Amino acid sequence: MRYPASTTAAGRGKVSRAQRAARRRPSEMRLCFTFRHCEPTEALKAFAERKFARIAKSLKRSCEVHLIFSVDKYRQSGEATVKSGRFSFVAQTTDKDLYAVIDGLIDKVDRQLKDHLHRAETGRTRALSAAEALAEA
């Protein structure tokens, strides 16, 4: 009896990492911009898209990024909310230039994402409270 190639010993569901990575679709990113008291420019939007694309590569699921830029006299501030699955990362920063604001936001969100991925990788959870520790003992 001859078996199809998919059910032979070599093809019994064993998939290499390279094959899994090739099958995995790149995560999608949706950007939403809000500008308060300033003009939206295409250059600023393109800069933000290029910077936040790095965050989307690190995430396994598609993500939503909401950027809010506001200008008050000489102070320019920004807020970024990145949602992916059940996780949400929020960052706020203020600077004299909107491009510097985007750089600050990306640094803060990137740090939060690295911390989250490190916790998921190492399997660390919170420590037991005193009541939980006594209940176990």
N, C-alpha and C. Protein backbone atom coordinates (compact mmCIF):
# COMPACT_ATOMS: atom_id res chain seq x y z
N MET A 1 0.85 -1.18 0.00
CA MET A 1 0.00 0.00 0.00
C MET A 1 0.89 1.24 0.00
N ARG A 2 0.55 2.16 -0.80
CA ARG A 2 1.35 3.38 -0.94
C ARG A 2 0.60 4.55 -0.30
N TYR A 3 1.27 5.29 0.60
CA TYR A 3 0.65 6.40 1.28
C TYR A 3 0.98 7.70 0.56
N PRO A 4 0.08 8.66 0.62
CA PRO A 4 0.41 9.98 0.06
C PRO A 4 1.59 10.58 0.81
N ALA A 5 2.25 11.54 0.19
CA ALA A 5 3.45 12.14 0.77
C ALA A 5 3.18 12.79 2.12
N SER A 6 1.97 13.29 2.33
CA SER A 6 1.68 14.00 3.58
C SER A 6 1.58 13.05 4.77
N THR A 7 1.37 11.76 4.56
CA THR A 7 1.23 10.84 5.68
C THR A 7 2.44 9.94 5.85
N THR A 8 3.48 10.14 5.08
CA THR A 8 4.68 9.34 5.26
C THR A 8 5.40 9.77 6.52
N ALA A 9 6.39 9.03 6.92
CA ALA A 9 7.12 9.34 8.15
C ALA A 9 7.73 10.73 8.11
N ALA A 10 8.17 11.15 6.94
CA ALA A 10 8.81 12.46 6.83
C ALA A 10 7.79 13.59 6.91
N GLY A 11 6.54 13.33 6.58
CA GLY A 11 5.57 14.41 6.52
C GLY A 11 4.43 14.28 7.50
N ARG A 12 4.67 13.75 8.68
CA ARG A 12 3.60 13.55 9.67
C ARG A 12 3.35 14.77 10.52
N GLY A 13 3.25 15.91 9.93
CA GLY A 13 2.97 17.10 10.70
C GLY A 13 4.20 17.76 11.26
N LYS A 14 5.36 17.22 11.00
CA LYS A 14 6.59 17.85 11.48
C LYS A 14 6.90 19.01 10.55
N VAL A 15 6.89 20.20 11.11
CA VAL A 15 7.13 21.39 10.32
C VAL A 15 8.29 22.15 10.95
N SER A 16 9.23 22.52 10.16
CA SER A 16 10.40 23.23 10.69
C SER A 16 10.03 24.68 11.00
N ARG A 17 10.87 25.35 11.76
CA ARG A 17 10.65 26.75 12.08
C ARG A 17 10.62 27.61 10.84
N ALA A 18 11.49 27.30 9.91
CA ALA A 18 11.54 28.09 8.67
C ALA A 18 10.23 27.95 7.90
N GLN A 19 9.65 26.76 7.88
CA GLN A 19 8.38 26.56 7.18
C GLN A 19 7.25 27.30 7.89
N ARG A 20 7.26 27.26 9.23
CA ARG A 20 6.23 28.00 9.97
C ARG A 20 6.36 29.49 9.73
N ALA A 21 7.58 30.00 9.75
CA ALA A 21 7.79 31.43 9.52
C ALA A 21 7.37 31.84 8.12
N ALA A 22 7.60 30.95 7.15
CA ALA A 22 7.22 31.26 5.77
C ALA A 22 5.70 31.28 5.61
N ARG A 23 5.01 30.42 6.37
CA ARG A 23 3.55 30.37 6.28
C ARG A 23 2.89 31.52 7.01
N ARG A 24 3.54 32.00 8.05
CA ARG A 24 2.94 33.05 8.87
C ARG A 24 2.82 34.34 8.09
N ARG A 25 1.65 34.89 8.09
CA ARG A 25 1.45 36.16 7.41
C ARG A 25 2.09 37.26 8.23
N PRO A 26 2.62 38.27 7.58
CA PRO A 26 3.14 39.39 8.36
C PRO A 26 1.98 40.09 9.07
N SER A 27 2.22 40.51 10.29
CA SER A 27 1.14 41.13 11.05
C SER A 27 0.79 42.48 10.43
N GLU A 28 -0.48 42.74 10.40
CA GLU A 28 -0.97 43.97 9.80
C GLU A 28 -1.02 45.06 10.86
N MET A 29 -0.87 46.29 10.42
CA MET A 29 -0.91 47.42 11.33
C MET A 29 -1.85 48.47 10.75
N ARG A 30 -2.77 48.91 11.57
CA ARG A 30 -3.66 50.00 11.17
C ARG A 30 -3.31 51.23 11.98
N LEU A 31 -3.08 52.32 11.30
CA LEU A 31 -2.74 53.58 11.96
C LEU A 31 -3.93 54.53 11.90
N CYS A 32 -4.19 55.18 13.00
CA CYS A 32 -5.23 56.19 13.08
C CYS A 32 -4.61 57.44 13.67
N PHE A 33 -4.75 58.56 13.01
CA PHE A 33 -4.14 59.81 13.45
C PHE A 33 -5.21 60.79 13.91
N THR A 34 -4.89 61.53 14.97
CA THR A 34 -5.72 62.64 15.43
C THR A 34 -4.78 63.82 15.65
N PHE A 35 -5.10 64.94 15.00
CA PHE A 35 -4.29 66.15 15.15
C PHE A 35 -5.14 67.21 15.83
N ARG A 36 -4.64 67.75 16.92
CA ARG A 36 -5.34 68.80 17.65
C ARG A 36 -4.53 70.09 17.59
N HIS A 37 -5.13 71.11 17.06
CA HIS A 37 -4.52 72.44 16.96
C HIS A 37 -3.27 72.44 16.08
N CYS A 38 -3.20 71.56 15.10
CA CYS A 38 -2.09 71.57 14.16
C CYS A 38 -2.55 70.94 12.85
N GLU A 39 -1.81 71.24 11.81
CA GLU A 39 -2.15 70.74 10.48
C GLU A 39 -1.58 69.34 10.26
N PRO A 40 -2.38 68.42 9.74
CA PRO A 40 -1.84 67.09 9.42
C PRO A 40 -1.02 67.17 8.13
N THR A 41 0.20 66.65 8.19
CA THR A 41 1.06 66.64 7.01
C THR A 41 1.35 65.20 6.61
N GLU A 42 1.50 65.00 5.32
CA GLU A 42 1.80 63.66 4.82
C GLU A 42 3.19 63.20 5.26
N ALA A 43 4.13 64.13 5.37
CA ALA A 43 5.48 63.77 5.80
C ALA A 43 5.48 63.23 7.22
N LEU A 44 4.70 63.87 8.09
CA LEU A 44 4.62 63.41 9.48
C LEU A 44 3.94 62.04 9.57
N LYS A 45 2.90 61.84 8.77
CA LYS A 45 2.22 60.54 8.76
C LYS A 45 3.14 59.44 8.24
N ALA A 46 3.89 59.73 7.18
CA ALA A 46 4.80 58.73 6.61
C ALA A 46 5.91 58.39 7.60
N PHE A 47 6.41 59.41 8.31
CA PHE A 47 7.46 59.19 9.32
C PHE A 47 6.94 58.28 10.43
N ALA A 48 5.72 58.55 10.90
CA ALA A 48 5.13 57.74 11.97
C ALA A 48 4.89 56.30 11.49
N GLU A 49 4.41 56.15 10.26
CA GLU A 49 4.19 54.80 9.71
C GLU A 49 5.48 54.01 9.64
N ARG A 50 6.54 54.66 9.19
CA ARG A 50 7.83 53.98 9.07
C ARG A 50 8.36 53.56 10.44
N LYS A 51 8.21 54.43 11.43
CA LYS A 51 8.71 54.12 12.77
C LYS A 51 7.89 53.01 13.44
N PHE A 52 6.57 53.08 13.33
CA PHE A 52 5.73 52.11 14.02
C PHE A 52 5.65 50.77 13.29
N ALA A 53 6.14 50.70 12.07
CA ALA A 53 6.18 49.41 11.36
C ALA A 53 7.10 48.44 12.09
N ARG A 54 8.12 48.97 12.76
CA ARG A 54 9.04 48.12 13.54
C ARG A 54 8.30 47.43 14.69
N ILE A 55 7.36 48.12 15.29
CA ILE A 55 6.57 47.54 16.38
C ILE A 55 5.69 46.41 15.85
N ALA A 56 5.10 46.62 14.68
CA ALA A 56 4.20 45.61 14.10
C ALA A 56 4.95 44.33 13.78
N LYS A 57 6.23 44.42 13.43
CA LYS A 57 7.00 43.22 13.12
C LYS A 57 7.20 42.36 14.36
N SER A 58 7.28 42.98 15.54
CA SER A 58 7.52 42.24 16.77
C SER A 58 6.28 41.52 17.28
N LEU A 59 5.11 42.00 16.88
CA LEU A 59 3.86 41.42 17.36
C LEU A 59 3.41 40.27 16.48
N LYS A 60 2.78 39.27 17.08
CA LYS A 60 2.31 38.12 16.32
C LYS A 60 0.97 38.38 15.66
N ARG A 61 0.15 39.20 16.29
CA ARG A 61 -1.18 39.50 15.77
C ARG A 61 -1.18 40.87 15.09
N SER A 62 -2.26 41.13 14.39
CA SER A 62 -2.39 42.46 13.80
C SER A 62 -2.61 43.46 14.93
N CYS A 63 -2.23 44.70 14.69
CA CYS A 63 -2.32 45.69 15.76
C CYS A 63 -2.96 46.97 15.24
N GLU A 64 -3.48 47.73 16.18
CA GLU A 64 -4.08 49.02 15.91
C GLU A 64 -3.26 50.05 16.65
N VAL A 65 -2.85 51.10 15.96
CA VAL A 65 -2.07 52.17 16.57
C VAL A 65 -2.86 53.46 16.42
N HIS A 66 -3.15 54.12 17.54
CA HIS A 66 -3.84 55.40 17.51
C HIS A 66 -2.87 56.46 18.02
N LEU A 67 -2.56 57.41 17.18
CA LEU A 67 -1.63 58.49 17.53
C LEU A 67 -2.40 59.79 17.65
N ILE A 68 -2.19 60.49 18.74
CA ILE A 68 -2.82 61.79 18.97
C ILE A 68 -1.72 62.82 19.13
N PHE A 69 -1.71 63.82 18.27
CA PHE A 69 -0.73 64.90 18.33
C PHE A 69 -1.45 66.19 18.67
N SER A 70 -0.88 66.96 19.59
CA SER A 70 -1.48 68.24 19.93
C SER A 70 -0.38 69.28 20.13
N VAL A 71 -0.74 70.52 19.83
CA VAL A 71 0.21 71.62 19.94
C VAL A 71 -0.41 72.69 20.83
N ASP A 72 0.30 73.10 21.87
CA ASP A 72 -0.10 74.19 22.75
C ASP A 72 1.05 75.17 22.82
N LYS A 73 0.91 76.31 22.18
CA LYS A 73 1.97 77.31 22.05
C LYS A 73 3.24 76.68 21.53
N TYR A 74 4.26 76.53 22.36
CA TYR A 74 5.53 75.96 21.91
C TYR A 74 5.73 74.52 22.37
N ARG A 75 4.76 73.99 23.08
CA ARG A 75 4.86 72.62 23.57
C ARG A 75 4.06 71.70 22.65
N GLN A 76 4.73 70.69 22.14
CA GLN A 76 4.07 69.74 21.24
C GLN A 76 4.10 68.38 21.91
N SER A 77 2.94 67.78 22.02
CA SER A 77 2.85 66.52 22.75
C SER A 77 2.17 65.46 21.89
N GLY A 78 2.39 64.23 22.28
CA GLY A 78 1.81 63.11 21.55
C GLY A 78 1.46 61.98 22.49
N GLU A 79 0.50 61.20 22.06
CA GLU A 79 0.07 60.03 22.82
C GLU A 79 -0.12 58.89 21.82
N ALA A 80 0.37 57.72 22.17
CA ALA A 80 0.24 56.55 21.30
C ALA A 80 -0.42 55.43 22.09
N THR A 81 -1.40 54.79 21.47
CA THR A 81 -2.05 53.63 22.04
C THR A 81 -1.91 52.50 21.03
N VAL A 82 -1.25 51.42 21.43
CA VAL A 82 -1.06 50.26 20.56
C VAL A 82 -1.85 49.12 21.15
N LYS A 83 -2.79 48.59 20.36
CA LYS A 83 -3.63 47.47 20.82
C LYS A 83 -3.38 46.28 19.90
N SER A 84 -3.10 45.15 20.53
CA SER A 84 -2.90 43.92 19.78
C SER A 84 -3.47 42.78 20.60
N GLY A 85 -4.53 42.19 20.12
CA GLY A 85 -5.17 41.14 20.88
C GLY A 85 -5.73 41.72 22.16
N ARG A 86 -5.35 41.14 23.28
CA ARG A 86 -5.85 41.65 24.56
C ARG A 86 -4.87 42.59 25.24
N PHE A 87 -3.75 42.86 24.60
CA PHE A 87 -2.73 43.72 25.19
C PHE A 87 -2.82 45.12 24.64
N SER A 88 -2.52 46.07 25.50
CA SER A 88 -2.58 47.47 25.12
C SER A 88 -1.37 48.19 25.73
N PHE A 89 -0.66 48.94 24.92
CA PHE A 89 0.49 49.71 25.37
C PHE A 89 0.18 51.18 25.14
N VAL A 90 0.44 52.02 26.14
CA VAL A 90 0.14 53.44 26.05
C VAL A 90 1.39 54.22 26.41
N ALA A 91 1.66 55.29 25.64
CA ALA A 91 2.81 56.14 25.91
C ALA A 91 2.43 57.59 25.63
N GLN A 92 3.00 58.50 26.43
CA GLN A 92 2.80 59.93 26.24
C GLN A 92 4.14 60.62 26.34
N THR A 93 4.34 61.64 25.53
CA THR A 93 5.58 62.41 25.62
C THR A 93 5.35 63.82 25.09
N THR A 94 6.22 64.73 25.51
CA THR A 94 6.16 66.13 25.11
C THR A 94 7.55 66.58 24.70
N ASP A 95 7.61 67.37 23.63
CA ASP A 95 8.89 67.87 23.14
C ASP A 95 8.65 69.14 22.32
N LYS A 96 9.72 69.71 21.76
CA LYS A 96 9.59 70.92 20.96
C LYS A 96 9.33 70.65 19.50
N ASP A 97 9.45 69.39 19.07
CA ASP A 97 9.30 69.02 17.67
C ASP A 97 8.45 67.76 17.57
N LEU A 98 7.53 67.72 16.61
CA LEU A 98 6.66 66.54 16.49
C LEU A 98 7.42 65.30 16.06
N TYR A 99 8.50 65.45 15.31
CA TYR A 99 9.31 64.30 14.94
C TYR A 99 10.01 63.72 16.16
N ALA A 100 10.46 64.57 17.06
CA ALA A 100 11.06 64.11 18.31
C ALA A 100 10.01 63.44 19.20
N VAL A 101 8.79 63.94 19.13
CA VAL A 101 7.69 63.33 19.88
C VAL A 101 7.46 61.90 19.41
N ILE A 102 7.48 61.69 18.09
CA ILE A 102 7.28 60.34 17.55
C ILE A 102 8.42 59.43 17.98
N ASP A 103 9.65 59.94 17.96
CA ASP A 103 10.78 59.14 18.41
C ASP A 103 10.63 58.76 19.88
N GLY A 104 10.19 59.69 20.70
CA GLY A 104 9.98 59.40 22.12
C GLY A 104 8.88 58.36 22.33
N LEU A 105 7.81 58.49 21.56
CA LEU A 105 6.71 57.53 21.68
C LEU A 105 7.16 56.13 21.28
N ILE A 106 7.92 56.04 20.21
CA ILE A 106 8.37 54.73 19.74
C ILE A 106 9.31 54.10 20.75
N ASP A 107 10.15 54.90 21.40
CA ASP A 107 11.05 54.36 22.42
C ASP A 107 10.27 53.79 23.60
N LYS A 108 9.25 54.53 24.04
CA LYS A 108 8.47 54.08 25.20
C LYS A 108 7.64 52.84 24.89
N VAL A 109 7.01 52.81 23.73
CA VAL A 109 6.20 51.65 23.36
C VAL A 109 7.10 50.44 23.14
N ASP A 110 8.26 50.67 22.53
CA ASP A 110 9.20 49.57 22.29
C ASP A 110 9.70 48.96 23.59
N ARG A 111 9.96 49.79 24.58
CA ARG A 111 10.40 49.29 25.88
C ARG A 111 9.30 48.47 26.55
N GLN A 112 8.06 48.96 26.48
CA GLN A 112 6.94 48.22 27.06
C GLN A 112 6.76 46.87 26.36
N LEU A 113 6.90 46.86 25.04
CA LEU A 113 6.75 45.64 24.28
C LEU A 113 7.85 44.64 24.60
N LYS A 114 9.09 45.11 24.73
CA LYS A 114 10.20 44.22 25.08
C LYS A 114 10.00 43.61 26.45
N ASP A 115 9.54 44.42 27.41
CA ASP A 115 9.27 43.90 28.75
C ASP A 115 8.17 42.84 28.70
N HIS A 116 7.12 43.10 27.93
CA HIS A 116 6.03 42.14 27.82
C HIS A 116 6.51 40.83 27.18
N LEU A 117 7.28 40.92 26.10
CA LEU A 117 7.77 39.72 25.44
C LEU A 117 8.74 38.95 26.33
N HIS A 118 9.54 39.67 27.12
CA HIS A 118 10.47 39.01 28.04
C HIS A 118 9.70 38.23 29.10
N ARG A 119 8.64 38.86 29.64
CA ARG A 119 7.83 38.17 30.65
C ARG A 119 7.15 36.94 30.07
N ALA A 120 6.66 37.05 28.84
CA ALA A 120 6.00 35.91 28.21
C ALA A 120 7.01 34.81 27.91
N GLU A 121 8.22 35.18 27.54
CA GLU A 121 9.25 34.20 27.19
C GLU A 121 9.75 33.44 28.41
N THR A 122 9.94 34.14 29.52
CA THR A 122 10.49 33.50 30.71
C THR A 122 9.42 32.84 31.57
N GLY A 123 8.15 33.14 31.30
CA GLY A 123 7.08 32.53 32.07
C GLY A 123 6.94 33.12 33.46
N ARG A 124 7.48 34.30 33.66
CA ARG A 124 7.37 34.92 34.98
C ARG A 124 5.95 35.41 35.19
N THR A 125 5.49 35.21 36.41
CA THR A 125 4.19 35.74 36.80
C THR A 125 4.39 36.54 38.07
N ARG A 126 3.35 37.11 38.55
CA ARG A 126 3.48 37.89 39.77
C ARG A 126 3.72 36.96 40.95
N ALA A 127 4.31 37.49 41.99
CA ALA A 127 4.56 36.71 43.20
C ALA A 127 3.25 36.50 43.96
N LEU A 128 3.19 35.43 44.71
CA LEU A 128 2.00 35.16 45.50
C LEU A 128 1.89 36.17 46.63
N SER A 129 0.66 36.58 46.93
CA SER A 129 0.46 37.46 48.07
C SER A 129 0.60 36.66 49.36
N ALA A 130 0.67 37.34 50.46
CA ALA A 130 0.84 36.65 51.75
C ALA A 130 -0.35 35.70 52.01
N ALA A 131 -1.55 36.12 51.68
CA ALA A 131 -2.72 35.27 51.90
C ALA A 131 -2.67 34.02 51.01
N GLU A 132 -2.27 34.20 49.78
CA GLU A 132 -2.19 33.06 48.86
C GLU A 132 -1.11 32.09 49.30
N ALA A 133 0.02 32.61 49.78
CA ALA A 133 1.11 31.76 50.23
C ALA A 133 0.68 30.95 51.46
N LEU A 134 -0.02 31.59 52.38
CA LEU A 134 -0.50 30.89 53.58
C LEU A 134 -1.57 29.86 53.23
N ALA A 135 -2.41 30.17 52.23
CA ALA A 135 -3.46 29.23 51.84
C ALA A 135 -2.85 27.98 51.22
N GLU A 136 -1.75 28.14 50.48
CA GLU A 136 -1.07 26.99 49.87
C GLU A 136 -0.43 26.10 50.93
N ALA A 137 0.11 26.74 51.97
CA ALA A 137 0.85 25.99 53.01
C ALA A 137 -0.10 25.35 53.98
